[in-house]
Amino acid sequence: MPLHFELYASYYSTRLQIVPAVDPQVFVSDPSVLVGGIGLQNIEHVAGLRALKLEDPDSPLYTAEGVRMGFTSKRWIAASGTGSIVDLGEGARRIVLSFENLVVFGTYSLFKHVVGASGLALVPLDGTGRTSAFTADASGSAKLEVRSPQPLAAHGAITLVYNSDGKPHRDSPGPIGLKAHDHLIATL
């Protein structure tokens, strides 16, 4: 089964019918935002920042706490990915992935969406987080193969999370908008 990753911002904005499309988890400087507050996805941000609009001109990106991420919106928006899923039997899957234009030397983690009694949960793609975290290379590329021991949900998704703190988030994505930022997503 082929996979096509799209920007999380595009996915999110389409689902919620937000025009122009925004990324609720990365921020740009905006002096007109005089006070901080609770933004989209209940992410609290400091004054002087707002969520990135995909139509914004190339601008430096920040976390919700105002920490400069070290790259611009042009780099963030350029990311792409593809992959394929192979059935290994007994519910196990091999997922072969290829990413381009990621954050150079950026630390990333892969999670699958699992719906349970308490709602949506993000679970490490490999079940443990040991092989589903990686660092992009000097060109912002990465190629990897991950084995998922459990079936992937028929209407689920795989999310590529950028870890702005530079640490692999193996068990859970971490604080969204602060240290973890959904970058790409592929729906199943």
C-alpha atoms as a PDB file:
ATOM      1  CA  MET A   1       0.000   0.000   0.000  1.00  0.00           C
ATOM      2  CA  PRO A   2       1.542   3.352  -1.015  1.00  0.00           C
ATOM      3  CA  LEU A   3       1.836   6.262   1.421  1.00  0.00           C
ATOM      4  CA  HIS A   4       1.865   9.956   0.579  1.00  0.00           C
ATOM      5  CA  PHE A   5       2.771  12.427   3.335  1.00  0.00           C
ATOM      6  CA  GLU A   6       1.349  15.941   3.285  1.00  0.00           C
ATOM      7  CA  LEU A   7       2.046  18.911   5.515  1.00  0.00           C
ATOM      8  CA  TYR A   8       0.232  18.508   8.811  1.00  0.00           C
ATOM      9  CA  ALA A   9      -0.862  22.150   8.434  1.00  0.00           C
ATOM     10  CA  SER A  10      -2.673  21.327   5.158  1.00  0.00           C
ATOM     11  CA  TYR A  11      -4.322  18.248   6.660  1.00  0.00           C
ATOM     12  CA  TYR A  12      -5.406  20.122   9.804  1.00  0.00           C
ATOM     13  CA  SER A  13      -6.691  23.185   7.954  1.00  0.00           C
ATOM     14  CA  THR A  14      -8.638  21.101   5.427  1.00  0.00           C
ATOM     15  CA  ARG A  15     -10.303  19.040   8.162  1.00  0.00           C
ATOM     16  CA  LEU A  16     -11.341  22.169  10.060  1.00  0.00           C
ATOM     17  CA  GLN A  17     -12.026  24.253   6.921  1.00  0.00           C
ATOM     18  CA  ILE A  18      -9.534  26.941   7.946  1.00  0.00           C
ATOM     19  CA  VAL A  19      -8.716  29.409   5.158  1.00  0.00           C
ATOM     20  CA  PRO A  20      -5.979  30.460   4.771  1.00  0.00           C
ATOM     21  CA  ALA A  21      -4.311  27.245   5.907  1.00  0.00           C
ATOM     22  CA  VAL A  22      -2.378  27.508   9.189  1.00  0.00           C
ATOM     23  CA  ASP A  23       0.065  25.393  11.125  1.00  0.00           C
ATOM     24  CA  PRO A  24      -1.154  25.527  14.731  1.00  0.00           C
ATOM     25  CA  GLN A  25       2.109  24.118  16.134  1.00  0.00           C
ATOM     26  CA  VAL A  26       4.771  26.521  14.768  1.00  0.00           C
ATOM     27  CA  PHE A  27       4.749  30.280  15.127  1.00  0.00           C
ATOM     28  CA  VAL A  28       5.919  33.482  13.435  1.00  0.00           C
ATOM     29  CA  SER A  29       6.606  36.891  14.902  1.00  0.00           C
ATOM     30  CA  ASP A  30       3.658  39.290  14.800  1.00  0.00           C
ATOM     31  CA  PRO A  31       4.048  42.528  16.797  1.00  0.00           C
ATOM     32  CA  SER A  32       0.281  43.130  16.573  1.00  0.00           C
ATOM     33  CA  VAL A  33      -0.304  40.193  18.959  1.00  0.00           C
ATOM     34  CA  LEU A  34       0.004  42.211  22.150  1.00  0.00           C
ATOM     35  CA  VAL A  35      -0.833  39.462  24.641  1.00  0.00           C
ATOM     36  CA  GLY A  36      -0.192  35.749  24.693  1.00  0.00           C
ATOM     37  CA  GLY A  37      -3.045  33.341  24.871  1.00  0.00           C
ATOM     38  CA  ILE A  38      -4.497  29.984  24.039  1.00  0.00           C
ATOM     39  CA  GLY A  39      -4.378  29.335  20.309  1.00  0.00           C
ATOM     40  CA  LEU A  40      -5.476  26.538  18.041  1.00  0.00           C
ATOM     41  CA  GLN A  41      -5.199  23.024  19.512  1.00  0.00           C
ATOM     42  CA  ASN A  42      -5.194  24.693  22.956  1.00  0.00           C
ATOM     43  CA  ILE A  43      -1.518  25.632  22.573  1.00  0.00           C
ATOM     44  CA  GLU A  44      -0.621  28.514  24.853  1.00  0.00           C
ATOM     45  CA  HIS A  45       1.768  30.969  23.179  1.00  0.00           C
ATOM     46  CA  VAL A  46       3.608  34.106  24.257  1.00  0.00           C
ATOM     47  CA  ALA A  47       2.798  37.655  23.111  1.00  0.00           C
ATOM     48  CA  GLY A  48       4.209  38.681  19.750  1.00  0.00           C
ATOM     49  CA  LEU A  49       3.594  35.306  18.084  1.00  0.00           C
ATOM     50  CA  ARG A  50       0.834  33.765  16.006  1.00  0.00           C
ATOM     51  CA  ALA A  51       0.377  30.485  14.166  1.00  0.00           C
ATOM     52  CA  LEU A  52       2.119  30.228  10.783  1.00  0.00           C
ATOM     53  CA  LYS A  53      -0.145  30.804   7.785  1.00  0.00           C
ATOM     54  CA  LEU A  54       1.068  28.739   4.834  1.00  0.00           C
ATOM     55  CA  GLU A  55       0.723  31.818   2.627  1.00  0.00           C
ATOM     56  CA  ASP A  56       3.031  33.907   4.857  1.00  0.00           C
ATOM     57  CA  PRO A  57       6.294  35.154   3.310  1.00  0.00           C
ATOM     58  CA  ASP A  58       9.434  33.267   4.328  1.00  0.00           C
ATOM     59  CA  SER A  59       9.898  33.989   8.041  1.00  0.00           C
ATOM     60  CA  PRO A  60      11.844  32.580  11.010  1.00  0.00           C
ATOM     61  CA  LEU A  61       9.824  30.044  13.020  1.00  0.00           C
ATOM     62  CA  TYR A  62       9.390  29.889  16.793  1.00  0.00           C
ATOM     63  CA  THR A  63       7.997  27.513  19.378  1.00  0.00           C
ATOM     64  CA  ALA A  64       4.969  28.629  21.404  1.00  0.00           C
ATOM     65  CA  GLU A  65       7.374  29.766  24.141  1.00  0.00           C
ATOM     66  CA  GLY A  66       9.170  32.083  21.709  1.00  0.00           C
ATOM     67  CA  VAL A  67      12.267  29.935  21.199  1.00  0.00           C
ATOM     68  CA  ARG A  68      13.656  30.461  17.696  1.00  0.00           C
ATOM     69  CA  MET A  69      13.664  27.122  15.862  1.00  0.00           C
ATOM     70  CA  GLY A  70      16.705  27.921  13.685  1.00  0.00           C
ATOM     71  CA  PHE A  71      15.055  27.704  10.258  1.00  0.00           C
ATOM     72  CA  THR A  72      12.361  29.453   8.255  1.00  0.00           C
ATOM     73  CA  SER A  73       8.854  28.727   7.088  1.00  0.00           C
ATOM     74  CA  LYS A  74      10.175  28.065   3.569  1.00  0.00           C
ATOM     75  CA  ARG A  75      12.151  25.055   4.858  1.00  0.00           C
ATOM     76  CA  TRP A  76       9.213  23.841   6.958  1.00  0.00           C
ATOM     77  CA  ILE A  77       6.683  24.028   4.124  1.00  0.00           C
ATOM     78  CA  ALA A  78       9.014  22.319   1.595  1.00  0.00           C
ATOM     79  CA  ALA A  79       9.008  18.961   3.450  1.00  0.00           C
ATOM     80  CA  SER A  80       7.595  15.878   1.730  1.00  0.00           C
ATOM     81  CA  GLY A  81       7.527  12.146   2.145  1.00  0.00           C
ATOM     82  CA  THR A  82       6.441   8.891   0.570  1.00  0.00           C
ATOM     83  CA  GLY A  83       6.401   5.294   1.616  1.00  0.00           C
ATOM     84  CA  SER A  84       4.835   1.900   1.362  1.00  0.00           C
ATOM     85  CA  ILE A  85       3.324  -0.630   3.744  1.00  0.00           C
ATOM     86  CA  VAL A  86       3.941  -4.350   3.336  1.00  0.00           C
ATOM     87  CA  ASP A  87       1.866  -6.947   5.210  1.00  0.00           C
ATOM     88  CA  LEU A  88       4.147  -9.372   7.085  1.00  0.00           C
ATOM     89  CA  GLY A  89       1.294 -11.559   8.349  1.00  0.00           C
ATOM     90  CA  GLU A  90      -0.274 -11.861  11.810  1.00  0.00           C
ATOM     91  CA  GLY A  91      -0.943  -8.102  11.862  1.00  0.00           C
ATOM     92  CA  ALA A  92       2.694  -7.030  11.538  1.00  0.00           C
ATOM     93  CA  ARG A  93       3.640  -4.476   8.872  1.00  0.00           C
ATOM     94  CA  ARG A  94       6.900  -3.263   7.338  1.00  0.00           C
ATOM     95  CA  ILE A  95       6.777   0.444   6.548  1.00  0.00           C
ATOM     96  CA  VAL A  96       9.413   1.756   4.130  1.00  0.00           C
ATOM     97  CA  LEU A  97       9.706   5.562   4.250  1.00  0.00           C
ATOM     98  CA  SER A  98      11.540   8.301   2.377  1.00  0.00           C
ATOM     99  CA  PHE A  99      11.529  11.982   3.378  1.00  0.00           C
ATOM    100  CA  GLU A 100      12.948  15.068   1.633  1.00  0.00           C
ATOM    101  CA  ASN A 101      13.438  18.706   2.649  1.00  0.00           C
ATOM    102  CA  LEU A 102      13.130  18.052   6.372  1.00  0.00           C
ATOM    103  CA  VAL A 103      14.937  20.230   8.898  1.00  0.00           C
ATOM    104  CA  VAL A 104      18.668  19.645   8.324  1.00  0.00           C
ATOM    105  CA  PHE A 105      19.957  17.384  11.116  1.00  0.00           C
ATOM    106  CA  GLY A 106      16.482  17.620  12.666  1.00  0.00           C
ATOM    107  CA  THR A 107      15.353  14.979  15.146  1.00  0.00           C
ATOM    108  CA  TYR A 108      12.079  13.286  14.237  1.00  0.00           C
ATOM    109  CA  SER A 109       9.772  10.596  15.615  1.00  0.00           C
ATOM    110  CA  LEU A 110       7.057   8.578  13.862  1.00  0.00           C
ATOM    111  CA  PHE A 111       3.713   7.808  15.490  1.00  0.00           C
ATOM    112  CA  LYS A 112       0.602   5.941  14.406  1.00  0.00           C
ATOM    113  CA  HIS A 113      -2.898   7.069  15.304  1.00  0.00           C
ATOM    114  CA  VAL A 114      -4.795   4.623  17.484  1.00  0.00           C
ATOM    115  CA  VAL A 115      -8.401   5.226  18.511  1.00  0.00           C
ATOM    116  CA  GLY A 116      -9.395   3.758  21.862  1.00  0.00           C
ATOM    117  CA  ALA A 117     -11.970   4.246  24.596  1.00  0.00           C
ATOM    118  CA  SER A 118     -10.398   7.573  25.625  1.00  0.00           C
ATOM    119  CA  GLY A 119     -10.142   8.913  22.073  1.00  0.00           C
ATOM    120  CA  LEU A 120      -7.177   9.364  19.751  1.00  0.00           C
ATOM    121  CA  ALA A 121      -3.721   8.365  20.961  1.00  0.00           C
ATOM    122  CA  LEU A 122      -0.363   8.639  19.224  1.00  0.00           C
ATOM    123  CA  VAL A 123       1.652   5.430  19.641  1.00  0.00           C
ATOM    124  CA  PRO A 124       5.241   4.898  18.442  1.00  0.00           C
ATOM    125  CA  LEU A 125       5.064   3.436  14.940  1.00  0.00           C
ATOM    126  CA  ASP A 126       7.291   0.501  15.916  1.00  0.00           C
ATOM    127  CA  GLY A 127       5.431  -0.044  19.212  1.00  0.00           C
ATOM    128  CA  THR A 128       8.451   0.903  21.366  1.00  0.00           C
ATOM    129  CA  GLY A 129       9.990   4.051  19.854  1.00  0.00           C
ATOM    130  CA  ARG A 130      13.396   2.390  19.464  1.00  0.00           C
ATOM    131  CA  THR A 131      13.428   2.337  15.650  1.00  0.00           C
ATOM    132  CA  SER A 132      10.853   4.997  14.800  1.00  0.00           C
ATOM    133  CA  ALA A 133      12.996   8.002  15.799  1.00  0.00           C
ATOM    134  CA  PHE A 134      15.709   9.354  13.481  1.00  0.00           C
ATOM    135  CA  THR A 135      17.815  12.355  12.525  1.00  0.00           C
ATOM    136  CA  ALA A 136      17.584  13.859   9.030  1.00  0.00           C
ATOM    137  CA  ASP A 137      20.865  14.121   7.119  1.00  0.00           C
ATOM    138  CA  ALA A 138      22.770  17.199   5.888  1.00  0.00           C
ATOM    139  CA  SER A 139      20.332  17.666   2.995  1.00  0.00           C
ATOM    140  CA  GLY A 140      17.227  17.181   5.153  1.00  0.00           C
ATOM    141  CA  SER A 141      16.603  13.677   3.816  1.00  0.00           C
ATOM    142  CA  ALA A 142      15.925  10.395   5.552  1.00  0.00           C
ATOM    143  CA  LYS A 143      15.213   6.866   4.399  1.00  0.00           C
ATOM    144  CA  LEU A 144      14.174   4.223   6.894  1.00  0.00           C
ATOM    145  CA  GLU A 145      12.311   0.998   7.384  1.00  0.00           C
ATOM    146  CA  VAL A 146      10.150   0.429  10.447  1.00  0.00           C
ATOM    147  CA  ARG A 147       8.390  -2.754  11.546  1.00  0.00           C
ATOM    148  CA  SER A 148       5.034  -2.237  13.219  1.00  0.00           C
ATOM    149  CA  PRO A 149       4.084  -5.302  15.269  1.00  0.00           C
ATOM    150  CA  GLN A 150       0.401  -4.350  15.403  1.00  0.00           C
ATOM    151  CA  PRO A 151      -2.000  -3.679  12.540  1.00  0.00           C
ATOM    152  CA  LEU A 152      -2.417  -0.089  11.412  1.00  0.00           C
ATOM    153  CA  ALA A 153      -5.957   1.256  11.761  1.00  0.00           C
ATOM    154  CA  ALA A 154      -7.888   1.211   8.473  1.00  0.00           C
ATOM    155  CA  HIS A 155      -8.762   4.907   8.715  1.00  0.00           C
ATOM    156  CA  GLY A 156      -5.775   5.921  10.829  1.00  0.00           C
ATOM    157  CA  ALA A 157      -2.673   7.893  10.013  1.00  0.00           C
ATOM    158  CA  ILE A 158       1.076   8.039  10.477  1.00  0.00           C
ATOM    159  CA  THR A 159       2.447  11.338  11.786  1.00  0.00           C
ATOM    160  CA  LEU A 160       6.021  12.579  11.472  1.00  0.00           C
ATOM    161  CA  VAL A 161       6.785  14.747  14.513  1.00  0.00           C
ATOM    162  CA  TYR A 162       9.679  17.229  14.556  1.00  0.00           C
ATOM    163  CA  ASN A 163      11.346  17.364  17.973  1.00  0.00           C
ATOM    164  CA  SER A 164      12.518  20.967  18.369  1.00  0.00           C
ATOM    165  CA  ASP A 165      14.359  20.118  21.586  1.00  0.00           C
ATOM    166  CA  GLY A 166      16.682  17.873  19.552  1.00  0.00           C
ATOM    167  CA  LYS A 167      15.780  14.759  21.553  1.00  0.00           C
ATOM    168  CA  PRO A 168      14.090  11.653  20.151  1.00  0.00           C
ATOM    169  CA  HIS A 169      10.598  11.387  21.605  1.00  0.00           C
ATOM    170  CA  ARG A 170      10.291   7.636  21.695  1.00  0.00           C
ATOM    171  CA  ASP A 171       7.247   6.947  23.909  1.00  0.00           C
ATOM    172  CA  SER A 172       5.087   9.985  23.172  1.00  0.00           C
ATOM    173  CA  PRO A 173       5.306  13.075  20.963  1.00  0.00           C
ATOM    174  CA  GLY A 174       5.946  15.439  23.876  1.00  0.00           C
ATOM    175  CA  PRO A 175       4.446  18.885  24.480  1.00  0.00           C
ATOM    176  CA  ILE A 176       2.884  19.946  21.182  1.00  0.00           C
ATOM    177  CA  GLY A 177       3.920  23.405  20.004  1.00  0.00           C
ATOM    178  CA  LEU A 178       6.654  23.594  22.635  1.00  0.00           C
ATOM    179  CA  LYS A 179       9.051  20.704  21.924  1.00  0.00           C
ATOM    180  CA  ALA A 180       7.067  18.608  19.434  1.00  0.00           C
ATOM    181  CA  HIS A 181       5.543  19.758  16.144  1.00  0.00           C
ATOM    182  CA  ASP A 182       3.537  17.574  13.744  1.00  0.00           C
ATOM    183  CA  HIS A 183       5.333  18.138  10.447  1.00  0.00           C
ATOM    184  CA  LEU A 184       3.911  15.600   7.991  1.00  0.00           C
ATOM    185  CA  ILE A 185       1.016  13.141   8.035  1.00  0.00           C
ATOM    186  CA  ALA A 186      -0.070  10.242   5.823  1.00  0.00           C
ATOM    187  CA  THR A 187      -3.621   8.983   6.096  1.00  0.00           C
ATOM    188  CA  LEU A 188      -4.247   5.268   5.632  1.00  0.00           C
END
